[in-house]
Protein backbone atom coordinates (compact mmCIF):
# COMPACT_ATOMS: atom_id res chain seq x y z
CA MET A 1 -39.72 -5.53 25.87
CA GLY A 2 -43.45 -5.36 25.21
CA ILE A 3 -43.21 -6.73 21.51
CA SER A 4 -41.24 -9.77 21.71
CA SER A 5 -43.00 -10.86 25.07
CA GLU A 6 -46.35 -10.63 22.99
CA THR A 7 -45.29 -12.08 19.98
CA ILE A 8 -44.14 -15.23 21.75
CA GLU A 9 -45.70 -18.27 23.10
CA GLU A 10 -44.45 -20.23 26.46
CA VAL A 11 -42.93 -17.13 27.78
CA TYR A 12 -41.19 -18.97 31.41
CA ARG A 13 -41.29 -16.14 34.59
CA THR A 14 -37.56 -16.31 35.46
CA ALA A 15 -35.59 -12.68 35.60
CA ASN A 16 -35.35 -12.61 32.08
CA TYR A 17 -37.74 -15.24 29.62
CA LEU A 18 -36.73 -18.12 28.00
CA THR A 19 -38.96 -19.67 25.12
CA LEU A 20 -38.02 -21.38 21.54
CA CYS A 21 -36.95 -19.40 19.16
CA PRO A 22 -39.00 -17.64 16.29
CA PHE A 23 -36.13 -17.75 13.85
CA HIS A 24 -35.04 -21.64 13.61
CA THR A 25 -36.71 -24.94 14.77
CA GLU A 26 -35.53 -26.07 18.10
CA LYS A 27 -37.36 -28.52 20.95
CA THR A 28 -34.97 -26.92 23.75
CA PRO A 29 -36.25 -23.48 24.25
CA SER A 30 -32.56 -21.15 23.70
CA PHE A 31 -34.37 -17.74 22.96
CA VAL A 32 -33.81 -15.74 25.94
CA VAL A 33 -35.64 -11.95 26.70
CA SER A 34 -34.37 -9.33 28.87
CA PRO A 35 -37.04 -6.63 29.52
CA ALA A 36 -34.75 -4.63 32.00
CA LYS A 37 -32.27 -4.58 29.48
CA ASN A 38 -35.20 -4.69 26.54
CA ILE A 39 -32.57 -6.81 24.55
CA TRP A 40 -33.44 -10.35 23.01
CA LYS A 41 -31.10 -13.15 21.75
CA CYS A 42 -31.21 -16.26 20.78
CA PHE A 43 -28.04 -18.71 21.92
CA GLY A 44 -29.36 -21.39 19.02
CA CYS A 45 -28.90 -19.60 15.88
CA GLY A 46 -27.06 -16.65 17.35
CA LYS A 47 -29.65 -13.51 15.94
CA ALA A 48 -29.96 -11.00 18.45
CA GLY A 49 -31.55 -7.08 18.85
CA ASP A 50 -33.88 -5.36 20.36
CA SER A 51 -37.46 -4.32 19.59
CA ILE A 52 -37.33 -2.37 16.46
CA LYS A 53 -34.75 -5.69 15.59
CA PHE A 54 -36.93 -7.73 16.65
CA LEU A 55 -39.72 -6.79 14.26
CA MET A 56 -37.54 -5.90 11.60
CA GLU A 57 -36.50 -10.03 11.59
CA TYR A 58 -40.21 -11.24 13.20
CA LYS A 59 -42.26 -9.35 10.58
CA GLY A 60 -39.83 -8.76 7.69
CA LEU A 61 -40.55 -4.89 7.96
CA SER A 62 -38.02 -2.24 7.15
CA PHE A 63 -36.17 -0.32 10.45
CA SER A 64 -39.04 2.80 9.34
CA GLU A 65 -41.68 0.22 9.07
CA ALA A 66 -40.60 -1.18 12.40
CA VAL A 67 -40.25 2.29 13.91
CA VAL A 68 -43.68 3.67 12.96
CA GLU A 69 -45.68 0.22 14.21
CA ILE A 70 -43.89 0.42 17.73
CA ALA A 71 -44.24 4.47 17.91
CA ASN A 72 -48.02 3.77 16.92
CA LYS A 73 -48.34 0.99 19.57
CA TYR A 74 -47.20 3.29 22.80
CA GLY A 75 -48.45 6.19 21.45
CA ILE A 76 -45.35 7.83 20.21
CA THR A 77 -45.38 10.25 17.31
CA VAL A 78 -43.20 10.19 14.91
CA LYS A 79 -42.32 13.29 13.09
CA TYR A 80 -41.12 13.37 9.09
CA ILE A 81 -38.42 15.84 7.91
CA GLY A 82 -38.63 16.45 4.12
CA ASP A 83 -36.01 16.02 1.80
CA THR A 84 -34.30 18.58 -0.19
CA LYS A 85 -34.44 19.48 -4.17
CA GLU A 86 -30.89 17.29 -4.42
CA ASP A 87 -31.91 14.41 -1.94
CA LEU A 88 -35.32 13.73 -4.34
CA GLU A 89 -33.25 13.89 -7.18
CA LYS A 90 -30.53 11.71 -6.03
CA LYS A 91 -33.71 9.27 -4.75
CA ASN A 92 -34.95 9.32 -8.19
CA LEU A 93 -31.51 8.73 -9.62
CA TYR A 94 -31.49 5.15 -7.35
CA SER A 95 -34.58 4.50 -8.74
CA VAL A 96 -33.85 4.75 -12.50
CA ILE A 97 -30.52 3.14 -11.70
CA GLN A 98 -32.05 0.32 -9.77
CA LYS A 99 -34.26 -0.67 -12.87
CA VAL A 100 -31.48 -0.35 -15.42
CA ALA A 101 -29.70 -3.24 -13.20
CA ASP A 102 -33.50 -4.88 -13.54
CA PHE A 103 -32.97 -4.48 -17.57
CA TYR A 104 -29.71 -5.48 -17.47
CA ARG A 105 -30.13 -9.08 -15.19
CA GLU A 106 -32.80 -9.88 -17.44
CA ASN A 107 -31.32 -9.72 -20.69
CA LEU A 108 -28.93 -11.87 -19.17
CA LYS A 109 -31.23 -14.64 -18.95
CA LYS A 110 -31.52 -14.84 -22.63
CA PHE A 111 -28.59 -14.03 -24.04
CA LYS A 112 -26.43 -17.84 -24.53
CA GLU A 113 -22.83 -15.72 -25.47
CA ALA A 114 -23.25 -13.85 -22.23
CA LYS A 115 -24.42 -17.03 -19.67
CA SER A 116 -21.60 -18.68 -22.02
CA TYR A 117 -18.98 -16.79 -20.98
CA LEU A 118 -19.69 -16.46 -17.19
CA LYS A 119 -19.70 -20.43 -17.07
CA GLU A 120 -16.16 -20.02 -18.45
CA ARG A 121 -14.94 -18.01 -16.41
CA ASN A 122 -16.39 -20.31 -13.60
CA ILE A 123 -18.96 -18.07 -12.11
CA PHE A 124 -21.62 -19.49 -10.56
CA SER A 125 -25.10 -19.26 -10.53
CA SER A 126 -25.35 -17.85 -7.01
CA THR A 127 -22.87 -15.57 -7.62
CA VAL A 128 -24.30 -14.19 -10.61
CA GLU A 129 -27.60 -14.01 -8.35
CA THR A 130 -25.65 -12.29 -5.30
CA PHE A 131 -23.59 -9.56 -7.13
CA PHE A 132 -26.67 -8.66 -9.43
CA ILE A 133 -25.09 -9.54 -12.53
CA GLY A 134 -26.45 -8.68 -16.06
CA TYR A 135 -25.88 -8.36 -19.84
CA SER A 136 -26.37 -5.19 -22.02
CA PRO A 137 -27.13 -6.02 -25.44
CA TYR A 138 -26.36 -4.20 -28.27
CA ASP A 139 -29.60 -3.01 -29.67
CA ILE A 140 -29.89 0.52 -27.66
CA GLN A 141 -33.78 0.40 -28.46
CA LYS A 142 -34.49 -2.43 -26.05
CA LEU A 143 -32.97 -0.56 -23.39
CA ILE A 144 -35.04 2.39 -24.56
CA LYS A 145 -38.04 1.03 -25.03
CA PHE A 146 -38.02 -0.75 -21.59
CA MET A 147 -36.92 2.58 -19.85
CA GLU A 148 -39.68 4.46 -21.68
CA SER A 149 -42.19 1.76 -20.18
CA GLN A 150 -41.16 2.74 -16.87
CA GLY A 151 -41.55 6.08 -17.51
CA ILE A 152 -37.77 6.62 -17.53
CA THR A 153 -36.18 9.67 -20.15
CA ILE A 154 -33.17 9.43 -22.02
CA ASP A 155 -32.14 12.66 -19.89
CA GLU A 156 -32.73 10.54 -16.76
CA LEU A 157 -30.41 7.42 -18.52
CA LYS A 158 -27.41 10.18 -19.81
CA LYS A 159 -27.62 11.69 -15.78
CA VAL A 160 -26.62 7.91 -14.31
CA GLY A 161 -24.12 7.45 -16.91
CA VAL A 162 -25.87 4.66 -18.81
CA LEU A 163 -26.42 6.92 -22.26
CA VAL A 164 -24.38 9.14 -23.25
CA GLN A 165 -24.17 11.42 -26.44
CA SER A 166 -21.54 11.55 -29.25
CA LEU A 167 -20.33 15.24 -30.71
CA ASP A 168 -22.64 14.37 -33.00
CA GLY A 169 -25.95 14.32 -31.62
CA GLU A 170 -25.68 10.76 -31.15
CA ILE A 171 -27.13 8.70 -27.94
CA LYS A 172 -25.17 5.69 -27.14
CA ASP A 173 -25.48 3.15 -24.80
CA ARG A 174 -22.06 2.91 -23.00
CA PHE A 175 -22.35 -0.62 -22.08
CA LYS A 176 -23.52 -2.29 -25.12
CA GLY A 177 -22.25 -5.53 -25.60
CA ARG A 178 -20.83 -6.02 -22.28
CA VAL A 179 -21.21 -7.97 -19.16
CA ILE A 180 -22.35 -6.13 -16.40
CA PHE A 181 -21.22 -5.93 -12.96
CA PRO A 182 -23.70 -3.65 -10.46
CA ILE A 183 -21.32 -1.12 -8.63
CA LYS A 184 -23.09 -0.85 -4.92
CA ASP A 185 -22.76 1.97 -2.31
CA HIS A 186 -21.97 0.79 1.24
CA LEU A 187 -26.04 0.27 2.20
CA GLY A 188 -26.41 -1.79 -1.29
CA ARG A 189 -27.74 0.75 -3.89
CA ILE A 190 -26.21 0.31 -6.93
CA VAL A 191 -24.39 3.38 -7.66
CA ALA A 192 -22.76 2.20 -11.13
CA PHE A 193 -21.67 0.01 -13.76
CA GLY A 194 -19.01 -1.90 -14.59
CA GLY A 195 -18.93 -3.52 -18.00
CA ARG A 196 -16.63 -6.38 -19.13
CA ILE A 197 -16.46 -7.20 -23.05
CA ILE A 198 -17.17 -10.07 -24.28
CA SER A 199 -16.62 -10.04 -28.14
CA PRO A 200 -13.62 -7.94 -28.76
CA ASN A 201 -13.46 -8.68 -32.49
CA ILE A 202 -17.12 -6.85 -32.65
CA SER A 203 -15.65 -3.83 -31.08
CA PRO A 204 -11.50 -4.36 -31.37
CA LYS A 205 -10.83 -0.77 -30.70
CA SER A 206 -13.26 -0.65 -27.21
CA PRO A 207 -11.58 -1.13 -23.89
CA LYS A 208 -11.91 -4.77 -22.25
CA TYR A 209 -13.28 -2.80 -18.63
CA LEU A 210 -15.43 0.36 -18.98
CA ASN A 211 -16.65 2.13 -15.68
CA SER A 212 -19.58 4.25 -15.17
CA PRO A 213 -18.55 8.20 -15.00
CA GLU A 214 -19.00 9.79 -11.80
CA THR A 215 -22.54 10.68 -11.23
CA LYS A 216 -24.75 12.67 -8.16
CA ILE A 217 -25.06 9.25 -6.93
CA TYR A 218 -21.45 7.92 -7.66
CA ASN A 219 -17.85 9.33 -5.98
CA LYS A 220 -15.42 6.45 -6.90
CA SER A 221 -13.38 7.55 -4.24
CA LYS A 222 -15.85 6.25 -2.09
CA VAL A 223 -16.82 3.46 -2.93
CA LEU A 224 -14.60 -0.23 -3.33
CA TYR A 225 -16.72 -3.77 -5.00
CA GLY A 226 -17.60 -6.12 -3.05
CA PHE A 227 -18.05 -3.89 -0.27
CA PHE A 228 -21.71 -4.25 0.63
CA GLU A 229 -21.40 -8.02 0.67
CA ALA A 230 -17.96 -8.21 2.34
CA LYS A 231 -18.85 -5.59 5.64
CA ASP A 232 -20.58 -8.19 7.90
CA TYR A 233 -17.30 -10.31 7.23
CA LEU A 234 -14.93 -8.00 7.48
CA ARG A 235 -16.36 -7.02 11.04
CA GLU A 236 -15.98 -9.83 12.35
CA LYS A 237 -13.00 -11.56 11.04
CA LYS A 238 -11.07 -8.20 11.62
CA TYR A 239 -8.85 -8.28 8.54
CA GLY A 240 -9.68 -8.09 4.69
CA ILE A 241 -8.49 -9.27 1.45
CA ILE A 242 -7.92 -6.37 -1.43
CA VAL A 243 -7.98 -7.49 -4.98
CA GLU A 244 -7.92 -5.47 -8.18
CA GLY A 245 -10.76 -6.86 -10.44
CA TYR A 246 -14.02 -7.89 -10.55
CA PHE A 247 -13.30 -11.56 -10.80
CA ASP A 248 -10.63 -11.89 -8.65
CA LEU A 249 -13.85 -10.55 -5.98
CA LEU A 250 -15.99 -13.19 -7.16
CA SER A 251 -13.99 -16.06 -7.89
CA MET A 252 -12.44 -15.53 -4.34
CA TYR A 253 -15.94 -14.44 -2.50
CA GLN A 254 -17.59 -17.60 -4.22
CA ILE A 255 -15.47 -20.41 -2.73
CA GLY A 256 -15.53 -18.92 0.87
CA PHE A 257 -13.43 -15.91 1.28
CA LYS A 258 -15.86 -13.57 1.84
CA ASN A 259 -14.40 -10.77 3.67
CA ILE A 260 -13.06 -9.07 0.37
CA VAL A 261 -13.09 -5.56 -1.73
CA ALA A 262 -11.63 -4.99 -5.05
CA THR A 263 -10.72 -1.19 -6.32
CA LEU A 264 -11.56 -1.82 -10.13
CA GLY A 265 -8.36 -0.54 -11.65
CA THR A 266 -8.48 2.79 -9.43
CA SER A 267 -6.22 3.92 -7.16
CA LEU A 268 -6.87 2.66 -3.36
CA THR A 269 -7.75 6.49 -1.85
CA GLU A 270 -7.35 7.91 1.11
CA TYR A 271 -11.76 7.80 2.17
CA HIS A 272 -11.04 3.90 1.36
CA ALA A 273 -7.85 3.17 3.82
CA LYS A 274 -10.01 5.39 6.78
CA LEU A 275 -13.69 3.57 5.77
CA LEU A 276 -11.63 -0.14 5.57
CA LYS A 277 -9.95 0.99 9.31
CA LYS A 278 -13.80 1.24 10.53
CA PHE A 279 -13.69 -2.62 10.22
CA VAL A 280 -10.19 -3.77 10.05
CA ASN A 281 -6.53 -4.01 11.89
CA LYS A 282 -4.93 -6.04 8.97
CA VAL A 283 -5.46 -5.90 5.37
CA ILE A 284 -3.55 -8.60 2.96
CA LEU A 285 -2.98 -6.97 -0.98
CA MET A 286 -3.78 -9.66 -3.81
CA PHE A 287 -2.39 -7.88 -6.57
CA ASP A 288 -1.86 -8.50 -9.84
CA ASN A 289 2.22 -10.18 -10.18
CA ASP A 290 3.70 -7.58 -12.25
CA LYS A 291 5.09 -4.27 -12.85
CA ALA A 292 1.86 -2.30 -12.14
CA GLY A 293 0.28 -4.24 -9.25
CA LYS A 294 3.24 -3.98 -7.46
CA GLU A 295 3.65 -0.64 -7.93
CA ALA A 296 0.19 -0.44 -6.82
CA VAL A 297 1.30 -2.11 -3.84
CA ILE A 298 3.28 0.31 -2.46
CA ARG A 299 0.61 3.44 -3.42
CA ALA A 300 -1.78 1.45 -1.48
CA SER A 301 0.33 0.75 1.83
CA LYS A 302 1.05 4.00 1.90
CA LEU A 303 -2.58 5.31 2.47
CA LEU A 304 -3.44 2.24 4.77
CA LEU A 305 -0.51 1.96 6.22
CA SER A 306 -1.11 6.01 7.07
CA GLN A 307 -4.44 4.86 9.19
CA ASP A 308 -2.29 2.43 11.18
CA ILE A 309 -3.80 -0.75 9.65
CA ASP A 310 -1.25 -2.91 8.71
CA VAL A 311 -0.47 -4.01 5.96
CA TYR A 312 0.23 -7.53 4.51
CA TYR A 313 1.73 -8.58 0.88
CA SER A 314 1.26 -12.09 -0.62
CA PRO A 315 3.09 -12.20 -3.92
CA LEU A 316 0.99 -14.47 -6.56
CA THR A 317 3.02 -16.64 -8.44
CA GLU A 318 -0.51 -17.43 -10.46
CA LYS A 319 -1.40 -14.47 -12.53
CA ASP A 320 -3.68 -13.10 -10.95
CA PRO A 321 -6.67 -14.05 -7.71
CA ASP A 322 -8.87 -15.17 -10.47
CA ASP A 323 -6.62 -17.76 -11.35
CA LEU A 324 -5.27 -18.87 -7.88
CA ALA A 325 -9.20 -19.04 -6.93
CA LYS A 326 -10.05 -21.65 -9.97
CA LYS A 327 -7.46 -23.95 -8.35
CA GLY A 328 -9.51 -24.39 -5.07
CA ILE A 329 -9.67 -23.17 -1.23
CA LYS A 330 -7.06 -24.90 -0.34
CA GLU A 331 -4.60 -22.81 -2.69
CA VAL A 332 -5.81 -19.90 -1.72
CA GLU A 333 -5.59 -20.62 1.88
CA ASN A 334 -2.34 -21.67 1.46
CA GLN A 335 -1.64 -17.98 -0.54
CA LEU A 336 -3.22 -16.57 2.25
CA ASN A 337 -0.86 -18.34 5.10
CA LYS A 338 2.57 -17.46 3.06
CA SER A 339 1.29 -13.39 2.98
CA LYS A 340 4.18 -11.71 5.01
CA ASP A 341 3.88 -8.34 6.72
CA ILE A 342 5.09 -5.79 3.57
CA PHE A 343 8.22 -5.04 6.21
CA GLU A 344 9.25 -8.69 6.72
CA PHE A 345 9.00 -8.49 2.78
CA LEU A 346 10.74 -5.92 1.98
CA LEU A 347 13.60 -6.76 4.37
CA GLU A 348 13.47 -10.76 2.87
CA THR A 349 13.98 -8.83 -1.09
CA LEU A 350 16.60 -6.96 0.48
CA LYS A 351 18.38 -10.04 1.57
CA GLU A 352 17.80 -11.72 -1.65
CA LYS A 353 19.25 -8.83 -3.39
CA ASN A 354 23.47 -8.26 -4.11
CA ASP A 355 22.53 -5.03 -6.37
CA ILE A 356 23.53 -1.76 -4.39
CA LYS A 357 21.18 -0.28 -5.86
CA GLU A 358 18.69 -2.69 -6.00
CA LYS A 359 19.24 -2.74 -2.12
CA GLN A 360 19.24 1.19 -1.85
CA LYS A 361 16.26 1.30 -3.64
CA ILE A 362 14.64 -1.48 -1.46
CA THR A 363 15.63 0.41 1.57
CA LYS A 364 14.08 3.67 0.34
CA ILE A 365 10.88 2.12 -0.14
CA TYR A 366 11.06 0.34 3.29
CA LEU A 367 11.93 4.32 4.95
CA GLU A 368 8.82 6.08 3.08
CA LEU A 369 6.65 3.53 3.94
CA ALA A 370 7.24 4.18 7.76
CA SER A 371 7.66 7.66 7.48
CA HIS A 372 3.71 7.30 6.84
CA ILE A 373 2.92 5.21 9.96
CA PRO A 374 1.42 7.36 12.83
CA ASP A 375 3.11 5.97 15.76
CA LYS A 376 6.45 7.13 16.43
CA THR A 377 7.77 4.54 18.31
CA LYS A 378 6.83 1.72 16.02
CA ILE A 379 8.59 3.69 12.94
CA GLY A 380 11.98 3.30 16.01
CA PHE A 381 10.91 0.01 15.65
CA LEU A 382 11.07 -0.59 12.34
CA ILE A 383 13.94 1.15 11.61
CA ASP A 384 16.34 -0.36 14.13
CA ARG A 385 15.40 -3.67 12.70
CA LEU A 386 16.15 -2.47 9.07
CA SER A 387 19.50 -1.49 10.84
CA LYS A 388 20.08 -5.16 12.51
CA GLU A 389 19.44 -6.32 9.22
CA THR A 390 21.21 -4.46 6.71
CA GLY A 391 24.08 -3.58 9.09
CA ILE A 392 23.23 0.22 8.31
CA ASN A 393 24.08 3.19 10.96
CA LYS A 394 20.62 3.30 13.16
CA ARG A 395 21.01 7.04 13.26
CA TYR A 396 21.96 7.67 9.43
CA LEU A 397 18.68 5.32 8.55
CA GLU A 398 16.32 7.61 11.00
CA ILE A 399 17.98 10.50 8.94
CA SER A 400 16.52 9.15 5.68
CA SER A 401 13.27 8.81 7.58
CA LYS A 402 13.06 12.37 8.20
CA VAL A 403 14.15 13.50 4.84
CA SER A 404 11.47 10.95 3.04
CA ASN A 405 8.96 11.89 5.33
CA LYS A 406 9.52 15.84 4.43
CA ASN A 407 10.50 14.90 0.53
CA ARG A 408 6.42 13.52 0.87
CA PHE A 409 5.20 17.21 1.15
CA LYS A 410 8.63 18.57 -1.18
CA ASP A 411 7.28 16.41 -3.77
CA LYS A 412 3.85 16.99 -4.24
CA GLN A 413 4.48 20.86 -4.23
CA LYS A 414 6.47 20.24 -7.15
CA LEU A 415 4.68 18.02 -8.71
CA GLU A 416 1.47 20.85 -8.04
CA LEU A 417 3.07 23.83 -7.67
CA ASP A 418 1.60 25.67 -10.57
CA LYS A 419 -2.33 24.16 -10.21
CA ASN A 420 -4.24 26.81 -8.32
CA LEU A 421 -5.79 26.28 -4.84
CA SER A 422 -8.92 27.87 -3.48
CA HIS A 423 -8.70 31.59 -2.52
CA ASN A 424 -10.11 30.81 0.90
CA GLU A 425 -6.81 27.78 1.03
CA ILE A 426 -4.50 30.65 -0.60
CA LEU A 427 -5.76 33.09 2.32
CA VAL A 428 -4.99 30.38 5.49
CA LEU A 429 -1.57 30.11 4.12
CA LYS A 430 -0.48 33.51 3.53
CA ALA A 431 -2.44 34.32 7.37
CA LEU A 432 -0.36 31.74 8.71
CA LEU A 433 2.75 33.16 7.24
CA GLU A 434 2.36 36.48 8.23
CA ASN A 435 -0.03 36.30 11.66
CA ARG A 436 1.70 32.16 12.55
CA ASP A 437 1.38 33.08 16.60
CA GLU A 438 -1.98 34.20 16.40
CA VAL A 439 -3.42 31.80 14.38
CA LEU A 440 -1.82 28.66 16.26
CA THR A 441 -2.80 30.46 19.64
CA LYS A 442 -6.38 29.92 18.68
CA PHE A 443 -6.41 26.45 16.04
CA LYS A 444 -5.11 23.54 17.17
CA TYR A 445 -6.85 20.59 14.39
CA PHE A 446 -4.14 20.90 11.65
CA ASP A 447 -4.88 17.30 11.53
CA LYS A 448 -8.26 16.73 11.22
CA ILE A 449 -9.35 19.23 8.33
CA GLU A 450 -11.15 18.40 4.75
CA SER A 451 -9.16 20.15 2.07
CA SER A 452 -7.66 19.12 -0.68
CA GLU A 453 -4.19 16.87 -0.36
CA TYR A 454 -2.21 19.77 -2.18
CA PHE A 455 -3.22 22.84 0.57
CA LYS A 456 -2.65 19.90 3.10
CA SER A 457 1.32 19.67 1.86
CA LEU A 458 1.47 23.29 1.83
CA LEU A 459 -0.05 23.49 5.48
CA PHE A 460 2.46 20.93 7.25
CA SER A 461 5.64 22.32 5.34
CA ILE A 462 4.89 25.55 6.55
CA LEU A 463 3.53 24.05 10.11
CA ASN A 464 6.93 22.17 10.07
CA GLY A 465 9.41 24.85 9.20
CA GLN A 466 9.54 22.65 6.01
CA THR A 467 9.01 24.90 2.60
CA GLU A 468 10.98 26.12 0.12
CA GLU A 469 11.91 29.89 -0.58
CA GLU A 470 10.40 29.38 -3.92
CA ILE A 471 6.88 28.52 -2.47
CA PHE A 472 6.99 30.76 0.19
CA ASN A 473 7.67 33.54 -1.97
CA LYS A 474 4.92 32.20 -4.31
CA ILE A 475 2.27 32.24 -1.07
CA LEU A 476 3.81 35.60 -0.38
CA SER A 477 3.17 37.11 -3.91
CA TYR A 478 -0.75 36.48 -3.74
CA GLU A 479 -3.21 39.42 -3.02
CA VAL A 480 -5.39 38.53 -0.11
CA SER A 481 -6.11 39.33 3.23
CA THR A 482 -4.12 38.01 5.93
CA ASN A 483 -6.83 38.92 8.28
CA PRO A 484 -6.21 36.06 10.97
CA GLU A 485 -9.96 36.31 12.24
CA ILE A 486 -11.04 35.29 8.53
CA ALA A 487 -7.93 32.05 8.89
CA LEU A 488 -9.95 30.80 11.81
CA GLU A 489 -13.35 31.11 10.55
CA ILE A 490 -11.73 28.93 7.34
CA LEU A 491 -10.29 26.31 9.23
CA GLN A 492 -13.04 25.94 11.89
CA ARG A 493 -15.27 25.56 8.58
CA MET A 494 -12.70 22.99 7.40
CA TYR A 495 -12.66 20.98 10.79
CA GLU A 496 -16.31 21.22 9.98
CA ARG A 497 -16.41 19.35 7.28
CA TRP A 498 -13.82 16.57 8.57
CA LYS A 499 -15.88 15.53 11.57
CA GLU A 500 -18.85 15.52 8.78
CA LYS A 501 -16.33 12.96 7.21
CA GLU A 502 -15.98 11.12 10.24
CA ILE A 503 -19.49 11.01 11.06
CA GLU A 504 -20.37 9.65 7.74
CA LEU A 505 -17.58 7.14 8.15
CA GLU A 506 -19.54 5.70 11.69
CA LEU A 507 -22.21 5.77 9.92
CA ILE A 508 -21.32 2.85 7.78
CA TYR A 509 -19.51 1.20 10.32
CA ASN A 510 -22.13 1.01 12.59
CA ASN A 511 -25.10 0.49 9.43
CA LYS A 512 -26.72 4.27 10.21
CA LYS A 513 -25.55 5.63 13.44
CA GLU A 514 -28.93 7.62 13.13
CA GLU A 515 -31.21 4.55 12.97
CA GLU A 516 -29.38 3.47 16.47
CA ARG A 517 -29.97 6.68 18.07
CA ALA A 518 -33.29 6.46 16.89
CA ILE A 519 -33.71 2.82 18.79
CA GLU A 520 -32.82 4.42 21.78
CA LEU A 521 -34.92 7.19 21.73
CA ILE A 522 -38.01 4.57 20.90
CA ASN A 523 -36.93 2.16 23.41
CA ARG A 524 -36.64 4.53 26.76
CA LEU A 525 -40.09 5.74 25.02
CA ILE A 526 -41.12 2.65 25.77
CA GLN A 527 -39.86 1.98 29.28
CA GLU A 528 -41.17 4.98 30.04
CA LYS A 529 -44.61 4.28 29.10
CA GLN A 530 -43.99 0.89 30.75
CA LYS A 531 -43.19 2.76 34.01
CA ILE A 532 -46.42 5.06 33.64
CA LYS A 533 -48.26 1.66 33.72
């Protein structure tokens, strides 16, 4: 581990090197270096890593800079791969939106009204800094003039969703007069904004909250507010808290509950659930205690359970988590400790109800949620528990659960029957209906394809023999090729896209796995060079 050994003084030669840690003050050496394994760890402050990580920490280098420095030291050639036109455009948009965020942040310091609003909401100054909170002034010219001084055009501001052009051609600031919450991706890059109006009397028709539209750098189905700040805490604690709004998250985060993310008024998506699965085994839902909040709990539970994440529900007596957090850490801890497994919560609610229709409704929700769990054994245990608690025949519940699972596909099909499928999706479905055996013998990854949810619902209903005659005939009526070889080629491409998305999720969990591969390669090359010496 040449880099660390040369940088740190007073090396004691044992099987490993032991010395004073360069990252914190100590009198007794606790920093251990293992040349054989090419790793280091401080048992005092907990920092650890390899040669590249050491340089990043010790010299404040970026990953790329550390790689280049080590490569140069050992005479290793570093090759650079050029960016595509799309990559370059995205890089520019990241730069543009960051400068907009800088402008908003500086403006917050100048506007007393905005600062007073955040103070009234009990948002700490440290929280404002951590989450880069800002303010957009009413005068659009201030924004435009600043951006022009930075070489940024109106067209670029439109591309990142900050400016919008009305039908009469007028350029408007989407977020004027709002406190600004920058939305970051998993790498900490700002990709969008949320804005909260603070003077409703000035703009009475404006919505209270407003978010950026989707852009080339922002896909709302892939981004959770606060995820970048929370991901290390999620990984460490193995469970996460999900809330709905900006202030819910900020108030909870600033009093110590940092393993928390927010959905920002949009429904949790399959991508969100898959992303969370990489970090946690359990999720606590803390949604608003109103009808909409309870419906959101059911929707989110289905997606999370589908990823084999244990779902706990924490029904609030307060209006929302923001109000609860204002009462202090102990109140939040008590609330979290009272959270219940979603199925236990439903069983307890079931016991409290006397009305038959209400009991039927809760039983149906219980079975519907259970049907989303991939582990059939676990479903069996849940049905057994429901049978014991209600006295309903277990066999009847099992049949109802299967019907619930079947209806998941039927409901989607009926809801979206008249929506257009892509040409390729139609081709695959029709080929399956007419050349089922040939397709099934050559393709096995139907549960691992990237396509629309509508297509997948139709696909699995065909595979399970659950297609209704009306849908069956509609698919057959499409005039497309039913060549199984073409269908197999399309399915293979869908499978490849699925793998790409899975890799993307892995990269997020591992903080860019390409870097780890590069680290491994560099470390091996270093070891080979040292052997030669």
